[in-house]
Amino acid sequence: MKDNLYTLGYAIAIGTICAGLLTAAAEFSAPFREANQRADEMRNILAVLEIPFEPRASAEELTAVFDQQVRQETKGAMDAYFLVGEDPQAKPELVAVNVVGRGLWGPIRGFVSLEPDWDTIRQVAFHDHNETPGLGAEISQASFLDQFRGKRLTDDDGKPALQVVASGAEGPWQVDGLSGATITCDRVGDLMRDLARKIQEVRE
């Protein structure tokens, strides 16, 4: 009986110590994780706004470029990032907005840059998702993303219209999907149409 109690007490003590160490490690590393996440976001925003930066730039260097050439505003449920260039008083050339939607295995997050009309796409980047490697995860590849350049979020009547189709995309409102990733592609289409609706809400 005493042996059992000793074993139980030992297990509880070890478990408590391990839990404490894990908690301390998580708290210690939290600022570094947040800094890395912010740096990754800045890289993607700068990329879709076509602002050049060194691929190996530190967080401090990225922040310097970001603060000089990007102005951030909140527009309804969106964060908007305006390209201001060297003259902060000049009319913005491009705007990037954050996008988030449901994927196959979890959220899909990214950024979309738009021309001044807030409808024509310049660049798209999906930087955070849990889609299937080799299938849905290919939404992060240039071969898929480059198709969005010049596409429009809404049709001539102002209704959300951009679709990701199985194949044979044509016109300004269709993009070819990925083989074997139908659900992921459908979700990307949903995300884009949801973005169109959010833009209409803040610009009406």
C-alpha atoms as a PDB file:
ATOM      1  CA  MET A   1       0.000   0.000   0.000  1.00  0.00           C
ATOM      2  CA  LYS A   2       2.816   2.376   0.911  1.00  0.00           C
ATOM      3  CA  ASP A   3       4.571   1.564  -2.348  1.00  0.00           C
ATOM      4  CA  ASN A   4       1.435   2.454  -4.276  1.00  0.00           C
ATOM      5  CA  LEU A   5       1.075   5.741  -2.448  1.00  0.00           C
ATOM      6  CA  TYR A   6       4.736   6.526  -3.038  1.00  0.00           C
ATOM      7  CA  THR A   7       4.398   5.783  -6.745  1.00  0.00           C
ATOM      8  CA  LEU A   8       1.265   7.910  -7.002  1.00  0.00           C
ATOM      9  CA  GLY A   9       2.890  10.799  -5.139  1.00  0.00           C
ATOM     10  CA  TYR A  10       6.006  10.555  -7.290  1.00  0.00           C
ATOM     11  CA  ALA A  11       3.955  10.573 -10.483  1.00  0.00           C
ATOM     12  CA  ILE A  12       1.984  13.626  -9.308  1.00  0.00           C
ATOM     13  CA  ALA A  13       5.172  15.471  -8.373  1.00  0.00           C
ATOM     14  CA  ILE A  14       6.843  14.731 -11.698  1.00  0.00           C
ATOM     15  CA  GLY A  15       3.688  15.698 -13.575  1.00  0.00           C
ATOM     16  CA  THR A  16       3.456  18.988 -11.689  1.00  0.00           C
ATOM     17  CA  ILE A  17       7.107  19.803 -12.346  1.00  0.00           C
ATOM     18  CA  CYS A  18       6.791  18.986 -16.060  1.00  0.00           C
ATOM     19  CA  ALA A  19       3.619  21.048 -16.372  1.00  0.00           C
ATOM     20  CA  GLY A  20       5.324  23.965 -14.676  1.00  0.00           C
ATOM     21  CA  LEU A  21       8.337  23.737 -16.969  1.00  0.00           C
ATOM     22  CA  LEU A  22       6.136  23.581 -20.069  1.00  0.00           C
ATOM     23  CA  THR A  23       4.118  26.581 -18.906  1.00  0.00           C
ATOM     24  CA  ALA A  24       7.270  28.557 -18.179  1.00  0.00           C
ATOM     25  CA  ALA A  25       8.750  27.633 -21.567  1.00  0.00           C
ATOM     26  CA  ALA A  26       5.536  28.658 -23.338  1.00  0.00           C
ATOM     27  CA  GLU A  27       5.447  32.003 -21.530  1.00  0.00           C
ATOM     28  CA  PHE A  28       9.139  32.612 -22.220  1.00  0.00           C
ATOM     29  CA  SER A  29       8.833  31.843 -25.934  1.00  0.00           C
ATOM     30  CA  ALA A  30       5.514  33.682 -26.478  1.00  0.00           C
ATOM     31  CA  PRO A  31       7.121  37.062 -27.345  1.00  0.00           C
ATOM     32  CA  PHE A  32       9.438  35.374 -29.845  1.00  0.00           C
ATOM     33  CA  ARG A  33       6.546  33.529 -31.492  1.00  0.00           C
ATOM     34  CA  GLU A  34       4.555  36.746 -31.725  1.00  0.00           C
ATOM     35  CA  ALA A  35       7.548  38.587 -33.225  1.00  0.00           C
ATOM     36  CA  ASN A  36       8.067  35.836 -35.806  1.00  0.00           C
ATOM     37  CA  GLN A  37       4.365  35.842 -36.678  1.00  0.00           C
ATOM     38  CA  ARG A  38       4.370  39.624 -37.104  1.00  0.00           C
ATOM     39  CA  ALA A  39       7.498  39.456 -39.274  1.00  0.00           C
ATOM     40  CA  ASP A  40       5.860  36.794 -41.444  1.00  0.00           C
ATOM     41  CA  GLU A  41       2.756  38.960 -41.837  1.00  0.00           C
ATOM     42  CA  MET A  42       4.859  41.970 -42.829  1.00  0.00           C
ATOM     43  CA  ARG A  43       6.721  39.905 -45.427  1.00  0.00           C
ATOM     44  CA  ASN A  44       3.445  38.842 -47.014  1.00  0.00           C
ATOM     45  CA  ILE A  45       1.953  42.344 -46.952  1.00  0.00           C
ATOM     46  CA  LEU A  46       5.081  43.826 -48.505  1.00  0.00           C
ATOM     47  CA  ALA A  47       5.087  41.053 -51.113  1.00  0.00           C
ATOM     48  CA  VAL A  48       1.484  41.566 -52.258  1.00  0.00           C
ATOM     49  CA  LEU A  49       2.051  45.331 -52.355  1.00  0.00           C
ATOM     50  CA  GLU A  50       5.136  44.625 -54.482  1.00  0.00           C
ATOM     51  CA  ILE A  51       7.426  46.527 -52.128  1.00  0.00           C
ATOM     52  CA  PRO A  52      11.000  45.196 -52.428  1.00  0.00           C
ATOM     53  CA  PHE A  53      12.789  43.929 -49.331  1.00  0.00           C
ATOM     54  CA  GLU A  54      15.699  41.639 -48.561  1.00  0.00           C
ATOM     55  CA  PRO A  55      14.530  38.011 -48.240  1.00  0.00           C
ATOM     56  CA  ARG A  56      16.698  37.566 -45.139  1.00  0.00           C
ATOM     57  CA  ALA A  57      15.751  40.911 -43.600  1.00  0.00           C
ATOM     58  CA  SER A  58      15.445  40.946 -39.836  1.00  0.00           C
ATOM     59  CA  ALA A  59      12.236  41.901 -38.054  1.00  0.00           C
ATOM     60  CA  GLU A  60      13.690  45.343 -37.361  1.00  0.00           C
ATOM     61  CA  GLU A  61      14.589  45.873 -41.024  1.00  0.00           C
ATOM     62  CA  LEU A  62      11.152  44.706 -42.161  1.00  0.00           C
ATOM     63  CA  THR A  63       9.502  47.062 -39.693  1.00  0.00           C
ATOM     64  CA  ALA A  64      11.552  49.992 -41.022  1.00  0.00           C
ATOM     65  CA  VAL A  65      10.452  49.299 -44.614  1.00  0.00           C
ATOM     66  CA  PHE A  66       6.871  48.645 -43.538  1.00  0.00           C
ATOM     67  CA  ASP A  67       6.556  51.834 -41.472  1.00  0.00           C
ATOM     68  CA  GLN A  68       7.993  53.943 -44.286  1.00  0.00           C
ATOM     69  CA  GLN A  69       5.875  52.643 -47.148  1.00  0.00           C
ATOM     70  CA  VAL A  70       2.668  51.233 -45.650  1.00  0.00           C
ATOM     71  CA  ARG A  71      -0.198  52.916 -43.835  1.00  0.00           C
ATOM     72  CA  GLN A  72      -2.563  50.668 -41.871  1.00  0.00           C
ATOM     73  CA  GLU A  73      -6.242  51.382 -41.295  1.00  0.00           C
ATOM     74  CA  THR A  74      -9.187  49.362 -40.023  1.00  0.00           C
ATOM     75  CA  LYS A  75     -12.065  49.104 -42.473  1.00  0.00           C
ATOM     76  CA  GLY A  76     -15.029  47.334 -40.902  1.00  0.00           C
ATOM     77  CA  ALA A  77     -13.951  43.737 -40.289  1.00  0.00           C
ATOM     78  CA  MET A  78     -10.807  44.159 -42.394  1.00  0.00           C
ATOM     79  CA  ASP A  79      -7.324  45.476 -41.844  1.00  0.00           C
ATOM     80  CA  ALA A  80      -6.310  47.592 -44.849  1.00  0.00           C
ATOM     81  CA  TYR A  81      -2.695  48.330 -45.743  1.00  0.00           C
ATOM     82  CA  PHE A  82      -2.158  51.233 -48.154  1.00  0.00           C
ATOM     83  CA  LEU A  83       0.970  51.636 -50.255  1.00  0.00           C
ATOM     84  CA  VAL A  84       2.075  55.220 -49.670  1.00  0.00           C
ATOM     85  CA  GLY A  85       5.559  55.159 -51.176  1.00  0.00           C
ATOM     86  CA  GLU A  86       7.971  57.980 -50.436  1.00  0.00           C
ATOM     87  CA  ASP A  87       5.290  60.666 -50.255  1.00  0.00           C
ATOM     88  CA  PRO A  88       2.799  59.959 -47.438  1.00  0.00           C
ATOM     89  CA  GLN A  89       0.447  62.604 -48.875  1.00  0.00           C
ATOM     90  CA  ALA A  90       0.254  60.942 -52.291  1.00  0.00           C
ATOM     91  CA  LYS A  91      -2.809  58.986 -53.323  1.00  0.00           C
ATOM     92  CA  PRO A  92      -2.271  55.284 -52.531  1.00  0.00           C
ATOM     93  CA  GLU A  93      -1.508  53.139 -55.569  1.00  0.00           C
ATOM     94  CA  LEU A  94      -2.475  49.805 -54.058  1.00  0.00           C
ATOM     95  CA  VAL A  95      -4.256  48.508 -50.993  1.00  0.00           C
ATOM     96  CA  ALA A  96      -3.804  45.122 -49.326  1.00  0.00           C
ATOM     97  CA  VAL A  97      -6.479  43.580 -47.137  1.00  0.00           C
ATOM     98  CA  ASN A  98      -6.375  40.597 -44.830  1.00  0.00           C
ATOM     99  CA  VAL A  99      -8.528  37.601 -45.715  1.00  0.00           C
ATOM    100  CA  VAL A 100      -9.545  34.644 -43.608  1.00  0.00           C
ATOM    101  CA  GLY A 101     -11.903  31.776 -44.355  1.00  0.00           C
ATOM    102  CA  ARG A 102     -12.629  28.162 -43.605  1.00  0.00           C
ATOM    103  CA  GLY A 103     -10.385  25.588 -45.267  1.00  0.00           C
ATOM    104  CA  LEU A 104     -10.596  21.806 -45.345  1.00  0.00           C
ATOM    105  CA  TRP A 105      -8.704  21.213 -42.078  1.00  0.00           C
ATOM    106  CA  GLY A 106      -8.629  24.676 -40.548  1.00  0.00           C
ATOM    107  CA  PRO A 107      -8.629  28.398 -41.314  1.00  0.00           C
ATOM    108  CA  ILE A 108      -7.007  29.827 -44.435  1.00  0.00           C
ATOM    109  CA  ARG A 109      -5.403  33.213 -43.854  1.00  0.00           C
ATOM    110  CA  GLY A 110      -3.726  35.531 -46.293  1.00  0.00           C
ATOM    111  CA  PHE A 111      -3.564  38.924 -47.950  1.00  0.00           C
ATOM    112  CA  VAL A 112      -4.955  40.262 -51.216  1.00  0.00           C
ATOM    113  CA  SER A 113      -3.702  43.440 -52.863  1.00  0.00           C
ATOM    114  CA  LEU A 114      -6.127  45.401 -55.002  1.00  0.00           C
ATOM    115  CA  GLU A 115      -5.891  48.188 -57.533  1.00  0.00           C
ATOM    116  CA  PRO A 116      -7.293  51.591 -56.476  1.00  0.00           C
ATOM    117  CA  ASP A 117     -10.737  50.454 -57.683  1.00  0.00           C
ATOM    118  CA  TRP A 118     -10.813  47.963 -54.762  1.00  0.00           C
ATOM    119  CA  ASP A 119     -12.022  45.306 -57.207  1.00  0.00           C
ATOM    120  CA  THR A 120      -9.172  44.281 -59.516  1.00  0.00           C
ATOM    121  CA  ILE A 121      -6.669  41.912 -57.913  1.00  0.00           C
ATOM    122  CA  ARG A 122      -2.933  42.592 -58.120  1.00  0.00           C
ATOM    123  CA  GLN A 123      -1.524  39.845 -55.883  1.00  0.00           C
ATOM    124  CA  VAL A 124      -2.695  37.089 -53.507  1.00  0.00           C
ATOM    125  CA  ALA A 125      -0.771  35.315 -50.746  1.00  0.00           C
ATOM    126  CA  PHE A 126      -1.988  32.577 -48.413  1.00  0.00           C
ATOM    127  CA  HIS A 127       0.515  32.387 -45.568  1.00  0.00           C
ATOM    128  CA  ASP A 128      -1.293  30.343 -42.923  1.00  0.00           C
ATOM    129  CA  HIS A 129      -3.314  27.177 -43.548  1.00  0.00           C
ATOM    130  CA  ASN A 130      -3.473  23.462 -42.739  1.00  0.00           C
ATOM    131  CA  GLU A 131      -4.435  22.136 -46.158  1.00  0.00           C
ATOM    132  CA  THR A 132      -3.257  18.720 -47.357  1.00  0.00           C
ATOM    133  CA  PRO A 133       0.420  18.701 -48.463  1.00  0.00           C
ATOM    134  CA  GLY A 134       0.766  18.142 -52.201  1.00  0.00           C
ATOM    135  CA  LEU A 135      -2.919  18.873 -52.791  1.00  0.00           C
ATOM    136  CA  GLY A 136      -4.753  21.756 -51.110  1.00  0.00           C
ATOM    137  CA  ALA A 137      -1.471  23.137 -49.747  1.00  0.00           C
ATOM    138  CA  GLU A 138      -0.596  24.100 -53.322  1.00  0.00           C
ATOM    139  CA  ILE A 139      -2.756  27.209 -52.854  1.00  0.00           C
ATOM    140  CA  SER A 140       0.440  28.828 -51.561  1.00  0.00           C
ATOM    141  CA  GLN A 141       2.340  28.151 -54.790  1.00  0.00           C
ATOM    142  CA  ALA A 142       2.962  30.827 -57.412  1.00  0.00           C
ATOM    143  CA  SER A 143       1.505  28.633 -60.166  1.00  0.00           C
ATOM    144  CA  PHE A 144      -1.898  28.921 -58.475  1.00  0.00           C
ATOM    145  CA  LEU A 145      -1.632  32.434 -57.048  1.00  0.00           C
ATOM    146  CA  ASP A 146      -0.421  34.085 -60.259  1.00  0.00           C
ATOM    147  CA  GLN A 147      -3.764  33.301 -61.882  1.00  0.00           C
ATOM    148  CA  PHE A 148      -5.487  35.866 -59.681  1.00  0.00           C
ATOM    149  CA  ARG A 149      -3.605  38.842 -61.119  1.00  0.00           C
ATOM    150  CA  GLY A 150      -6.041  41.028 -63.054  1.00  0.00           C
ATOM    151  CA  LYS A 151      -9.125  39.080 -61.950  1.00  0.00           C
ATOM    152  CA  ARG A 152     -12.096  40.921 -60.504  1.00  0.00           C
ATOM    153  CA  LEU A 153     -13.967  40.317 -57.277  1.00  0.00           C
ATOM    154  CA  THR A 154     -17.362  41.483 -58.576  1.00  0.00           C
ATOM    155  CA  ASP A 155     -19.239  41.299 -61.859  1.00  0.00           C
ATOM    156  CA  ASP A 156     -20.533  44.241 -63.897  1.00  0.00           C
ATOM    157  CA  ASP A 157     -23.562  44.468 -61.593  1.00  0.00           C
ATOM    158  CA  GLY A 158     -21.369  44.694 -58.492  1.00  0.00           C
ATOM    159  CA  LYS A 159     -22.171  41.195 -57.233  1.00  0.00           C
ATOM    160  CA  PRO A 160     -19.453  38.912 -55.797  1.00  0.00           C
ATOM    161  CA  ALA A 161     -18.467  36.731 -58.727  1.00  0.00           C
ATOM    162  CA  LEU A 162     -14.916  35.341 -58.518  1.00  0.00           C
ATOM    163  CA  GLN A 163     -14.866  31.532 -58.731  1.00  0.00           C
ATOM    164  CA  VAL A 164     -12.242  28.795 -58.603  1.00  0.00           C
ATOM    165  CA  VAL A 165     -13.353  26.279 -61.245  1.00  0.00           C
ATOM    166  CA  ALA A 166     -12.198  22.742 -61.927  1.00  0.00           C
ATOM    167  CA  SER A 167     -10.568  23.659 -65.251  1.00  0.00           C
ATOM    168  CA  GLY A 168     -10.981  25.832 -68.321  1.00  0.00           C
ATOM    169  CA  ALA A 169     -11.125  29.150 -66.464  1.00  0.00           C
ATOM    170  CA  GLU A 170     -12.024  32.063 -68.691  1.00  0.00           C
ATOM    171  CA  GLY A 171     -12.899  35.704 -68.304  1.00  0.00           C
ATOM    172  CA  PRO A 172     -12.120  38.020 -65.394  1.00  0.00           C
ATOM    173  CA  TRP A 173     -14.060  36.043 -62.784  1.00  0.00           C
ATOM    174  CA  GLN A 174     -12.614  32.515 -62.988  1.00  0.00           C
ATOM    175  CA  VAL A 175      -9.418  30.829 -61.827  1.00  0.00           C
ATOM    176  CA  ASP A 176      -8.371  27.225 -62.462  1.00  0.00           C
ATOM    177  CA  GLY A 177      -8.421  25.035 -59.375  1.00  0.00           C
ATOM    178  CA  LEU A 178      -6.014  22.360 -58.173  1.00  0.00           C
ATOM    179  CA  SER A 179      -6.393  18.706 -59.125  1.00  0.00           C
ATOM    180  CA  GLY A 180      -7.490  16.622 -56.134  1.00  0.00           C
ATOM    181  CA  ALA A 181      -8.234  19.661 -53.964  1.00  0.00           C
ATOM    182  CA  THR A 182     -11.834  20.473 -54.846  1.00  0.00           C
ATOM    183  CA  ILE A 183     -12.953  21.376 -51.320  1.00  0.00           C
ATOM    184  CA  THR A 184      -9.964  23.628 -50.677  1.00  0.00           C
ATOM    185  CA  CYS A 185     -10.515  25.410 -53.990  1.00  0.00           C
ATOM    186  CA  ASP A 186     -14.215  25.860 -53.242  1.00  0.00           C
ATOM    187  CA  ARG A 187     -13.274  27.383 -49.893  1.00  0.00           C
ATOM    188  CA  VAL A 188     -10.845  29.794 -51.575  1.00  0.00           C
ATOM    189  CA  GLY A 189     -13.683  30.874 -53.872  1.00  0.00           C
ATOM    190  CA  ASP A 190     -15.915  31.388 -50.823  1.00  0.00           C
ATOM    191  CA  LEU A 191     -13.164  33.445 -49.187  1.00  0.00           C
ATOM    192  CA  MET A 192     -12.875  35.727 -52.217  1.00  0.00           C
ATOM    193  CA  ARG A 193     -16.603  36.288 -52.506  1.00  0.00           C
ATOM    194  CA  ASP A 194     -16.763  37.008 -48.778  1.00  0.00           C
ATOM    195  CA  LEU A 195     -14.009  39.575 -49.268  1.00  0.00           C
ATOM    196  CA  ALA A 196     -16.070  41.235 -52.017  1.00  0.00           C
ATOM    197  CA  ARG A 197     -19.038  41.512 -49.654  1.00  0.00           C
ATOM    198  CA  LYS A 198     -16.885  43.001 -46.868  1.00  0.00           C
ATOM    199  CA  ILE A 199     -15.473  45.593 -49.266  1.00  0.00           C
ATOM    200  CA  GLN A 200     -18.957  46.553 -50.420  1.00  0.00           C
ATOM    201  CA  GLU A 201     -20.016  47.062 -46.793  1.00  0.00           C
ATOM    202  CA  VAL A 202     -17.199  49.491 -46.002  1.00  0.00           C
ATOM    203  CA  ARG A 203     -17.315  51.377 -49.301  1.00  0.00           C
ATOM    204  CA  GLU A 204     -21.049  51.963 -49.626  1.00  0.00           C
END
